[in-house]
PDB file of N, CA and C in Angstrom:
ATOM      1  N   UNK A   1       9.588 -45.085 -16.629  1.00  0.00           N
ATOM      2  CA  UNK A   1       8.741 -45.816 -17.548  1.00  0.00           C
ATOM      3  C   UNK A   1       8.282 -44.885 -18.652  1.00  0.00           C
ATOM      4  N   UNK A   2       8.061 -45.468 -19.812  1.00  0.00           N
ATOM      5  CA  UNK A   2       7.582 -44.736 -20.974  1.00  0.00           C
ATOM      6  C   UNK A   2       6.357 -45.448 -21.539  1.00  0.00           C
ATOM      7  N   UNK A   3       5.641 -44.737 -22.396  1.00  0.00           N
ATOM      8  CA  UNK A   3       4.433 -45.284 -23.004  1.00  0.00           C
ATOM      9  C   UNK A   3       4.683 -45.490 -24.490  1.00  0.00           C
ATOM     10  N   UNK A   4       4.111 -46.561 -25.047  1.00  0.00           N
ATOM     11  CA  UNK A   4       4.246 -46.838 -26.470  1.00  0.00           C
ATOM     12  C   UNK A   4       3.068 -47.635 -26.989  1.00  0.00           C
ATOM     13  N   UNK A   5       3.043 -47.798 -28.295  1.00  0.00           N
ATOM     14  CA  UNK A   5       1.996 -48.574 -28.958  1.00  0.00           C
ATOM     15  C   UNK A   5       2.646 -49.732 -29.704  1.00  0.00           C
ATOM     16  N   UNK A   6       2.115 -50.920 -29.540  1.00  0.00           N
ATOM     17  CA  UNK A   6       2.650 -52.094 -30.231  1.00  0.00           C
ATOM     18  C   UNK A   6       2.249 -51.985 -31.707  1.00  0.00           C
ATOM     19  N   UNK A   7       3.259 -51.949 -32.574  1.00  0.00           N
ATOM     20  CA  UNK A   7       2.990 -51.822 -34.013  1.00  0.00           C
ATOM     21  C   UNK A   7       3.444 -53.039 -34.806  1.00  0.00           C
ATOM     22  N   UNK A   8       3.995 -54.028 -34.123  1.00  0.00           N
ATOM     23  CA  UNK A   8       4.426 -55.227 -34.832  1.00  0.00           C
ATOM     24  C   UNK A   8       5.080 -56.233 -33.911  1.00  0.00           C
ATOM     25  N   UNK A   9       5.442 -57.355 -34.477  1.00  0.00           N
ATOM     26  CA  UNK A   9       6.136 -58.404 -33.736  1.00  0.00           C
ATOM     27  C   UNK A   9       7.413 -58.785 -34.468  1.00  0.00           C
ATOM     28  N   UNK A  10       8.300 -59.435 -33.756  1.00  0.00           N
ATOM     29  CA  UNK A  10       9.561 -59.902 -34.326  1.00  0.00           C
ATOM     30  C   UNK A  10       9.601 -61.413 -34.165  1.00  0.00           C
ATOM     31  N   UNK A  11       9.939 -62.116 -35.231  1.00  0.00           N
ATOM     32  CA  UNK A  11      10.095 -63.568 -35.175  1.00  0.00           C
ATOM     33  C   UNK A  11      11.586 -63.863 -35.278  1.00  0.00           C
ATOM     34  N   UNK A  12      12.103 -64.570 -34.290  1.00  0.00           N
ATOM     35  CA  UNK A  12      13.524 -64.915 -34.273  1.00  0.00           C
ATOM     36  C   UNK A  12      13.665 -66.429 -34.101  1.00  0.00           C
ATOM     37  N   UNK A  13      14.279 -67.066 -35.075  1.00  0.00           N
ATOM     38  CA  UNK A  13      14.467 -68.509 -34.968  1.00  0.00           C
ATOM     39  C   UNK A  13      15.602 -68.856 -34.010  1.00  0.00           C
ATOM     40  N   UNK A  14      16.521 -67.902 -33.819  1.00  0.00           N
ATOM     41  CA  UNK A  14      17.616 -68.099 -32.872  1.00  0.00           C
ATOM     42  C   UNK A  14      17.715 -66.856 -32.016  1.00  0.00           C
ATOM     43  N   UNK A  15      17.782 -67.062 -30.712  1.00  0.00           N
ATOM     44  CA  UNK A  15      17.959 -65.945 -29.797  1.00  0.00           C
ATOM     45  C   UNK A  15      18.628 -66.449 -28.525  1.00  0.00           C
ATOM     46  N   UNK A  16      19.035 -65.517 -27.682  1.00  0.00           N
ATOM     47  CA  UNK A  16      19.687 -65.866 -26.432  1.00  0.00           C
ATOM     48  C   UNK A  16      18.786 -66.820 -25.644  1.00  0.00           C
ATOM     49  N   UNK A  17      19.357 -67.865 -25.047  1.00  0.00           N
ATOM     50  CA  UNK A  17      18.546 -68.841 -24.306  1.00  0.00           C
ATOM     51  C   UNK A  17      17.665 -68.221 -23.215  1.00  0.00           C
ATOM     52  N   UNK A  18      18.087 -67.097 -22.636  1.00  0.00           N
ATOM     53  CA  UNK A  18      17.284 -66.473 -21.584  1.00  0.00           C
ATOM     54  C   UNK A  18      16.016 -65.818 -22.137  1.00  0.00           C
ATOM     55  N   UNK A  19      15.932 -65.681 -23.465  1.00  0.00           N
ATOM     56  CA  UNK A  19      14.755 -65.069 -24.087  1.00  0.00           C
ATOM     57  C   UNK A  19      13.772 -66.094 -24.645  1.00  0.00           C
ATOM     58  N   UNK A  20      14.115 -67.369 -24.559  1.00  0.00           N
ATOM     59  CA  UNK A  20      13.224 -68.413 -25.059  1.00  0.00           C
ATOM     60  C   UNK A  20      11.912 -68.363 -24.272  1.00  0.00           C
ATOM     61  N   UNK A  21      10.804 -68.341 -24.988  1.00  0.00           N
ATOM     62  CA  UNK A  21       9.494 -68.285 -24.351  1.00  0.00           C
ATOM     63  C   UNK A  21       8.924 -66.887 -24.225  1.00  0.00           C
ATOM     64  N   UNK A  22       9.731 -65.868 -24.511  1.00  0.00           N
ATOM     65  CA  UNK A  22       9.272 -64.486 -24.462  1.00  0.00           C
ATOM     66  C   UNK A  22       9.018 -63.961 -25.873  1.00  0.00           C
ATOM     67  N   UNK A  23       7.960 -63.159 -26.022  1.00  0.00           N
ATOM     68  CA  UNK A  23       7.648 -62.554 -27.321  1.00  0.00           C
ATOM     69  C   UNK A  23       8.459 -61.279 -27.508  1.00  0.00           C
ATOM     70  N   UNK A  24       8.835 -61.018 -28.745  1.00  0.00           N
ATOM     71  CA  UNK A  24       9.529 -59.790 -29.091  1.00  0.00           C
ATOM     72  C   UNK A  24       8.564 -58.904 -29.877  1.00  0.00           C
ATOM     73  N   UNK A  25       8.466 -57.635 -29.479  1.00  0.00           N
ATOM     74  CA  UNK A  25       7.527 -56.706 -30.088  1.00  0.00           C
ATOM     75  C   UNK A  25       8.238 -55.494 -30.667  1.00  0.00           C
ATOM     76  N   UNK A  26       7.590 -54.845 -31.617  1.00  0.00           N
ATOM     77  CA  UNK A  26       8.038 -53.546 -32.102  1.00  0.00           C
ATOM     78  C   UNK A  26       7.100 -52.521 -31.479  1.00  0.00           C
ATOM     79  N   UNK A  27       7.678 -51.570 -30.744  1.00  0.00           N
ATOM     80  CA  UNK A  27       6.898 -50.577 -30.012  1.00  0.00           C
ATOM     81  C   UNK A  27       7.263 -49.175 -30.503  1.00  0.00           C
ATOM     82  N   UNK A  28       6.234 -48.378 -30.793  1.00  0.00           N
ATOM     83  CA  UNK A  28       6.424 -46.978 -31.169  1.00  0.00           C
ATOM     84  C   UNK A  28       6.236 -46.127 -29.914  1.00  0.00           C
ATOM     85  N   UNK A  29       7.304 -45.474 -29.420  1.00  0.00           N
ATOM     86  CA  UNK A  29       7.156 -44.619 -28.241  1.00  0.00           C
ATOM     87  C   UNK A  29       6.195 -43.459 -28.507  1.00  0.00           C
ATOM     88  N   UNK A  30       5.450 -43.080 -27.453  1.00  0.00           N
ATOM     89  CA  UNK A  30       4.481 -41.997 -27.539  1.00  0.00           C
ATOM     90  C   UNK A  30       4.688 -41.035 -26.370  1.00  0.00           C
ATOM     91  N   UNK A  31       4.258 -39.767 -26.563  1.00  0.00           N
ATOM     92  CA  UNK A  31       4.247 -38.827 -25.447  1.00  0.00           C
ATOM     93  C   UNK A  31       2.900 -38.958 -24.734  1.00  0.00           C
ATOM     94  N   UNK A  32       2.690 -38.277 -23.594  1.00  0.00           N
ATOM     95  CA  UNK A  32       1.425 -38.422 -22.857  1.00  0.00           C
ATOM     96  C   UNK A  32       0.171 -38.046 -23.651  1.00  0.00           C
ATOM     97  N   UNK A  33       0.336 -37.249 -24.698  1.00  0.00           N
ATOM     98  CA  UNK A  33      -0.800 -36.876 -25.541  1.00  0.00           C
ATOM     99  C   UNK A  33      -1.043 -37.877 -26.664  1.00  0.00           C
ATOM    100  N   UNK A  34      -0.189 -38.904 -26.759  1.00  0.00           N
ATOM    101  CA  UNK A  34      -0.353 -39.928 -27.779  1.00  0.00           C
ATOM    102  C   UNK A  34       0.340 -39.633 -29.099  1.00  0.00           C
ATOM    103  N   UNK A  35       1.189 -38.616 -29.119  1.00  0.00           N
ATOM    104  CA  UNK A  35       1.936 -38.262 -30.341  1.00  0.00           C
ATOM    105  C   UNK A  35       3.207 -39.101 -30.436  1.00  0.00           C
ATOM    106  N   UNK A  36       3.605 -39.427 -31.669  1.00  0.00           N
ATOM    107  CA  UNK A  36       4.818 -40.224 -31.896  1.00  0.00           C
ATOM    108  C   UNK A  36       6.058 -39.514 -31.370  1.00  0.00           C
ATOM    109  N   UNK A  37       6.955 -40.284 -30.763  1.00  0.00           N
ATOM    110  CA  UNK A  37       8.221 -39.768 -30.256  1.00  0.00           C
ATOM    111  C   UNK A  37       9.326 -40.686 -30.735  1.00  0.00           C
ATOM    112  N   UNK A  38      10.228 -40.195 -31.554  1.00  0.00           N
ATOM    113  CA  UNK A  38      11.368 -40.996 -31.987  1.00  0.00           C
ATOM    114  C   UNK A  38      11.001 -42.148 -32.912  1.00  0.00           C
ATOM    115  N   UNK A  39      11.923 -43.100 -32.987  1.00  0.00           N
ATOM    116  CA  UNK A  39      11.785 -44.261 -33.862  1.00  0.00           C
ATOM    117  C   UNK A  39      11.213 -45.457 -33.106  1.00  0.00           C
ATOM    118  N   UNK A  40      10.587 -46.398 -33.827  1.00  0.00           N
ATOM    119  CA  UNK A  40      10.121 -47.635 -33.189  1.00  0.00           C
ATOM    120  C   UNK A  40      11.301 -48.407 -32.596  1.00  0.00           C
ATOM    121  N   UNK A  41      11.018 -49.174 -31.546  1.00  0.00           N
ATOM    122  CA  UNK A  41      12.057 -49.932 -30.857  1.00  0.00           C
ATOM    123  C   UNK A  41      11.632 -51.390 -30.696  1.00  0.00           C
ATOM    124  N   UNK A  42      12.613 -52.263 -30.545  1.00  0.00           N
ATOM    125  CA  UNK A  42      12.344 -53.674 -30.263  1.00  0.00           C
ATOM    126  C   UNK A  42      12.299 -53.850 -28.756  1.00  0.00           C
ATOM    127  N   UNK A  43      11.311 -54.621 -28.282  1.00  0.00           N
ATOM    128  CA  UNK A  43      11.151 -54.827 -26.841  1.00  0.00           C
ATOM    129  C   UNK A  43      10.731 -56.267 -26.567  1.00  0.00           C
ATOM    130  N   UNK A  44      11.147 -56.785 -25.419  1.00  0.00           N
ATOM    131  CA  UNK A  44      10.698 -58.100 -24.995  1.00  0.00           C
ATOM    132  C   UNK A  44       9.444 -57.912 -24.148  1.00  0.00           C
ATOM    133  N   UNK A  45       8.433 -58.759 -24.375  1.00  0.00           N
ATOM    134  CA  UNK A  45       7.170 -58.690 -23.640  1.00  0.00           C
ATOM    135  C   UNK A  45       7.238 -59.671 -22.480  1.00  0.00           C
ATOM    136  N   UNK A  46       7.490 -59.165 -21.287  1.00  0.00           N
ATOM    137  CA  UNK A  46       7.674 -59.997 -20.106  1.00  0.00           C
ATOM    138  C   UNK A  46       6.407 -60.756 -19.738  1.00  0.00           C
ATOM    139  N   UNK A  47       5.255 -60.114 -19.834  1.00  0.00           N
ATOM    140  CA  UNK A  47       3.991 -60.743 -19.463  1.00  0.00           C
ATOM    141  C   UNK A  47       3.450 -61.647 -20.566  1.00  0.00           C
ATOM    142  N   UNK A  48       3.844 -61.392 -21.802  1.00  0.00           N
ATOM    143  CA  UNK A  48       3.332 -62.166 -22.925  1.00  0.00           C
ATOM    144  C   UNK A  48       1.887 -61.861 -23.245  1.00  0.00           C
ATOM    145  N   UNK A  49       1.405 -60.691 -22.823  1.00  0.00           N
ATOM    146  CA  UNK A  49      -0.011 -60.362 -22.963  1.00  0.00           C
ATOM    147  C   UNK A  49      -0.289 -59.233 -23.938  1.00  0.00           C
ATOM    148  N   UNK A  50       0.709 -58.456 -24.319  1.00  0.00           N
ATOM    149  CA  UNK A  50       0.482 -57.295 -25.180  1.00  0.00           C
ATOM    150  C   UNK A  50       0.240 -57.738 -26.618  1.00  0.00           C
ATOM    151  N   UNK A  51      -0.725 -57.101 -27.262  1.00  0.00           N
ATOM    152  CA  UNK A  51      -1.048 -57.429 -28.644  1.00  0.00           C
ATOM    153  C   UNK A  51      -0.943 -56.227 -29.550  1.00  0.00           C
ATOM    154  N   UNK A  52      -1.070 -56.481 -30.833  1.00  0.00           N
ATOM    155  CA  UNK A  52      -0.968 -55.437 -31.844  1.00  0.00           C
ATOM    156  C   UNK A  52      -1.969 -54.319 -31.560  1.00  0.00           C
ATOM    157  N   UNK A  53      -1.486 -53.071 -31.607  1.00  0.00           N
ATOM    158  CA  UNK A  53      -2.342 -51.906 -31.426  1.00  0.00           C
ATOM    159  C   UNK A  53      -2.553 -51.486 -29.983  1.00  0.00           C
ATOM    160  N   UNK A  54      -2.075 -52.271 -29.019  1.00  0.00           N
ATOM    161  CA  UNK A  54      -2.289 -51.924 -27.614  1.00  0.00           C
ATOM    162  C   UNK A  54      -1.284 -50.891 -27.125  1.00  0.00           C
ATOM    163  N   UNK A  55      -1.744 -50.054 -26.180  1.00  0.00           N
ATOM    164  CA  UNK A  55      -0.849 -49.137 -25.496  1.00  0.00           C
ATOM    165  C   UNK A  55      -0.182 -49.901 -24.366  1.00  0.00           C
ATOM    166  N   UNK A  56       1.123 -49.733 -24.242  1.00  0.00           N
ATOM    167  CA  UNK A  56       1.888 -50.433 -23.220  1.00  0.00           C
ATOM    168  C   UNK A  56       2.815 -49.456 -22.520  1.00  0.00           C
ATOM    169  N   UNK A  57       3.303 -49.849 -21.347  1.00  0.00           N
ATOM    170  CA  UNK A  57       4.378 -49.084 -20.740  1.00  0.00           C
ATOM    171  C   UNK A  57       5.598 -49.984 -20.652  1.00  0.00           C
ATOM    172  N   UNK A  58       6.747 -49.346 -20.829  1.00  0.00           N
ATOM    173  CA  UNK A  58       7.988 -50.110 -20.911  1.00  0.00           C
ATOM    174  C   UNK A  58       9.099 -49.421 -20.137  1.00  0.00           C
ATOM    175  N   UNK A  59      10.107 -50.210 -19.787  1.00  0.00           N
ATOM    176  CA  UNK A  59      11.291 -49.694 -19.109  1.00  0.00           C
ATOM    177  C   UNK A  59      12.502 -49.953 -20.006  1.00  0.00           C
ATOM    178  N   UNK A  60      13.561 -49.180 -19.776  1.00  0.00           N
ATOM    179  CA  UNK A  60      14.756 -49.287 -20.617  1.00  0.00           C
ATOM    180  C   UNK A  60      16.004 -49.448 -19.759  1.00  0.00           C
ATOM    181  N   UNK A  61      17.092 -49.793 -20.424  1.00  0.00           N
ATOM    182  CA  UNK A  61      18.393 -49.884 -19.766  1.00  0.00           C
ATOM    183  C   UNK A  61      18.466 -50.981 -18.729  1.00  0.00           C
ATOM    184  N   UNK A  62      19.120 -50.686 -17.608  1.00  0.00           N
ATOM    185  CA  UNK A  62      19.302 -51.663 -16.541  1.00  0.00           C
ATOM    186  C   UNK A  62      17.992 -52.155 -15.955  1.00  0.00           C
ATOM    187  N   UNK A  63      16.982 -51.283 -15.918  1.00  0.00           N
ATOM    188  CA  UNK A  63      15.676 -51.704 -15.414  1.00  0.00           C
ATOM    189  C   UNK A  63      15.098 -52.823 -16.281  1.00  0.00           C
ATOM    190  N   UNK A  64      15.299 -52.740 -17.576  1.00  0.00           N
ATOM    191  CA  UNK A  64      14.775 -53.756 -18.493  1.00  0.00           C
ATOM    192  C   UNK A  64      15.496 -55.090 -18.318  1.00  0.00           C
ATOM    193  N   UNK A  65      16.774 -55.054 -18.067  1.00  0.00           N
ATOM    194  CA  UNK A  65      17.558 -56.281 -17.958  1.00  0.00           C
ATOM    195  C   UNK A  65      17.183 -57.116 -16.744  1.00  0.00           C
ATOM    196  N   UNK A  66      16.589 -56.483 -15.721  1.00  0.00           N
ATOM    197  CA  UNK A  66      16.291 -57.198 -14.479  1.00  0.00           C
ATOM    198  C   UNK A  66      14.803 -57.257 -14.151  1.00  0.00           C
ATOM    199  N   UNK A  67      13.935 -57.207 -15.170  1.00  0.00           N
ATOM    200  CA  UNK A  67      12.496 -57.285 -14.905  1.00  0.00           C
ATOM    201  C   UNK A  67      12.039 -58.706 -14.602  1.00  0.00           C
ATOM    202  N   UNK A  68      12.790 -59.688 -15.021  1.00  0.00           N
ATOM    203  CA  UNK A  68      12.433 -61.081 -14.738  1.00  0.00           C
ATOM    204  C   UNK A  68      12.946 -61.472 -13.352  1.00  0.00           C
ATOM    205  N   UNK A  69      12.082 -62.096 -12.570  1.00  0.00           N
ATOM    206  CA  UNK A  69      12.481 -62.523 -11.229  1.00  0.00           C
ATOM    207  C   UNK A  69      13.455 -63.696 -11.272  1.00  0.00           C
ATOM    208  N   UNK A  70      13.419 -64.471 -12.372  1.00  0.00           N
ATOM    209  CA  UNK A  70      14.255 -65.663 -12.454  1.00  0.00           C
ATOM    210  C   UNK A  70      15.704 -65.376 -12.826  1.00  0.00           C
ATOM    211  N   UNK A  71      15.921 -64.428 -13.749  1.00  0.00           N
ATOM    212  CA  UNK A  71      17.273 -64.190 -14.233  1.00  0.00           C
ATOM    213  C   UNK A  71      17.359 -62.869 -14.995  1.00  0.00           C
ATOM    214  N   UNK A  72      18.578 -62.354 -15.114  1.00  0.00           N
ATOM    215  CA  UNK A  72      18.806 -61.160 -15.916  1.00  0.00           C
ATOM    216  C   UNK A  72      18.750 -61.546 -17.393  1.00  0.00           C
ATOM    217  N   UNK A  73      18.287 -60.619 -18.222  1.00  0.00           N
ATOM    218  CA  UNK A  73      18.195 -60.884 -19.661  1.00  0.00           C
ATOM    219  C   UNK A  73      18.963 -59.811 -20.426  1.00  0.00           C
ATOM    220  N   UNK A  74      19.536 -60.164 -21.574  1.00  0.00           N
ATOM    221  CA  UNK A  74      20.294 -59.202 -22.374  1.00  0.00           C
ATOM    222  C   UNK A  74      19.369 -58.340 -23.237  1.00  0.00           C
ATOM    223  N   UNK A  75      18.584 -57.466 -22.597  1.00  0.00           N
ATOM    224  CA  UNK A  75      17.640 -56.616 -23.326  1.00  0.00           C
ATOM    225  C   UNK A  75      17.814 -55.158 -22.913  1.00  0.00           C
ATOM    226  N   UNK A  76      17.468 -54.253 -23.824  1.00  0.00           N
ATOM    227  CA  UNK A  76      17.509 -52.826 -23.542  1.00  0.00           C
ATOM    228  C   UNK A  76      16.131 -52.269 -23.242  1.00  0.00           C
ATOM    229  N   UNK A  77      15.082 -52.944 -23.730  1.00  0.00           N
ATOM    230  CA  UNK A  77      13.713 -52.467 -23.548  1.00  0.00           C
ATOM    231  C   UNK A  77      12.815 -53.644 -23.190  1.00  0.00           C
ATOM    232  N   UNK A  78      11.973 -53.468 -22.154  1.00  0.00           N
ATOM    233  CA  UNK A  78      11.049 -54.515 -21.746  1.00  0.00           C
ATOM    234  C   UNK A  78       9.662 -53.922 -21.510  1.00  0.00           C
ATOM    235  N   UNK A  79       8.650 -54.521 -22.138  1.00  0.00           N
ATOM    236  CA  UNK A  79       7.264 -54.143 -21.897  1.00  0.00           C
ATOM    237  C   UNK A  79       6.867 -54.772 -20.567  1.00  0.00           C
ATOM    238  N   UNK A  80       6.379 -53.936 -19.647  1.00  0.00           N
ATOM    239  CA  UNK A  80       6.048 -54.444 -18.313  1.00  0.00           C
ATOM    240  C   UNK A  80       4.560 -54.331 -17.973  1.00  0.00           C
ATOM    241  N   UNK A  81       3.758 -53.731 -18.863  1.00  0.00           N
ATOM    242  CA  UNK A  81       2.333 -53.642 -18.583  1.00  0.00           C
ATOM    243  C   UNK A  81       1.549 -53.073 -19.743  1.00  0.00           C
ATOM    244  N   UNK A  82       0.233 -53.245 -19.662  1.00  0.00           N
ATOM    245  CA  UNK A  82      -0.689 -52.715 -20.667  1.00  0.00           C
ATOM    246  C   UNK A  82      -1.422 -51.528 -20.057  1.00  0.00           C
ATOM    247  N   UNK A  83      -1.523 -50.445 -20.810  1.00  0.00           N
ATOM    248  CA  UNK A  83      -2.174 -49.228 -20.337  1.00  0.00           C
ATOM    249  C   UNK A  83      -3.680 -49.349 -20.532  1.00  0.00           C
ATOM    250  N   UNK A  84      -4.442 -49.129 -19.444  1.00  0.00           N
ATOM    251  CA  UNK A  84      -5.900 -49.127 -19.529  1.00  0.00           C
ATOM    252  C   UNK A  84      -6.416 -47.744 -19.895  1.00  0.00           C
ATOM    253  N   UNK A  85      -5.845 -46.709 -19.268  1.00  0.00           N
ATOM    254  CA  UNK A  85      -6.255 -45.336 -19.581  1.00  0.00           C
ATOM    255  C   UNK A  85      -5.160 -44.378 -19.143  1.00  0.00           C
ATOM    256  N   UNK A  86      -5.208 -43.169 -19.701  1.00  0.00           N
ATOM    257  CA  UNK A  86      -4.256 -42.113 -19.348  1.00  0.00           C
ATOM    258  C   UNK A  86      -5.068 -40.870 -19.010  1.00  0.00           C
ATOM    259  N   UNK A  87      -4.781 -40.277 -17.869  1.00  0.00           N
ATOM    260  CA  UNK A  87      -5.451 -39.046 -17.461  1.00  0.00           C
ATOM    261  C   UNK A  87      -4.383 -38.024 -17.123  1.00  0.00           C
ATOM    262  N   UNK A  88      -4.440 -36.869 -17.754  1.00  0.00           N
ATOM    263  CA  UNK A  88      -3.505 -35.779 -17.469  1.00  0.00           C
ATOM    264  C   UNK A  88      -4.311 -34.647 -16.849  1.00  0.00           C
ATOM    265  N   UNK A  89      -3.968 -34.260 -15.626  1.00  0.00           N
ATOM    266  CA  UNK A  89      -4.677 -33.186 -14.955  1.00  0.00           C
ATOM    267  C   UNK A  89      -4.094 -31.848 -15.344  1.00  0.00           C
ATOM    268  N   UNK A  90      -4.855 -30.776 -15.098  1.00  0.00           N
ATOM    269  CA  UNK A  90      -4.360 -29.434 -15.410  1.00  0.00           C
ATOM    270  C   UNK A  90      -3.128 -29.103 -14.601  1.00  0.00           C
ATOM    271  N   UNK A  91      -3.042 -29.585 -13.347  1.00  0.00           N
ATOM    272  CA  UNK A  91      -1.886 -29.328 -12.494  1.00  0.00           C
ATOM    273  C   UNK A  91      -0.631 -29.902 -13.113  1.00  0.00           C
ATOM    274  N   UNK A  92      -0.711 -31.070 -13.728  1.00  0.00           N
ATOM    275  CA  UNK A  92       0.466 -31.716 -14.332  1.00  0.00           C
ATOM    276  C   UNK A  92       0.940 -30.963 -15.558  1.00  0.00           C
ATOM    277  N   UNK A  93       0.046 -30.253 -16.235  1.00  0.00           N
ATOM    278  CA  UNK A  93       0.418 -29.540 -17.451  1.00  0.00           C
ATOM    279  C   UNK A  93       1.162 -28.253 -17.164  1.00  0.00           C
ATOM    280  N   UNK A  94       1.054 -27.710 -15.952  1.00  0.00           N
ATOM    281  CA  UNK A  94       1.687 -26.424 -15.623  1.00  0.00           C
ATOM    282  C   UNK A  94       3.143 -26.549 -15.352  1.00  0.00           C
TER     283      UNK A  94
END
């Protein structure tokens, strides 16, 4: 899992039928310190709860394609939760 910040949404008038009812978001990946990492990515919001400016965690690749219990989806990135807080201990930094 990775952490990112929702920086936008995507509106699609036509999309794969398995994605109907799911929101598409633009997510900027972040490192544990909150610094930008790489380019923004498009992600499907499985819970439908993430909003602009929120920190989220997401999965990629095969994990993203099978996050829905009902069916596999043709996605590379899926938002699977909203981050409440991040704590990094000194032990983890070593």
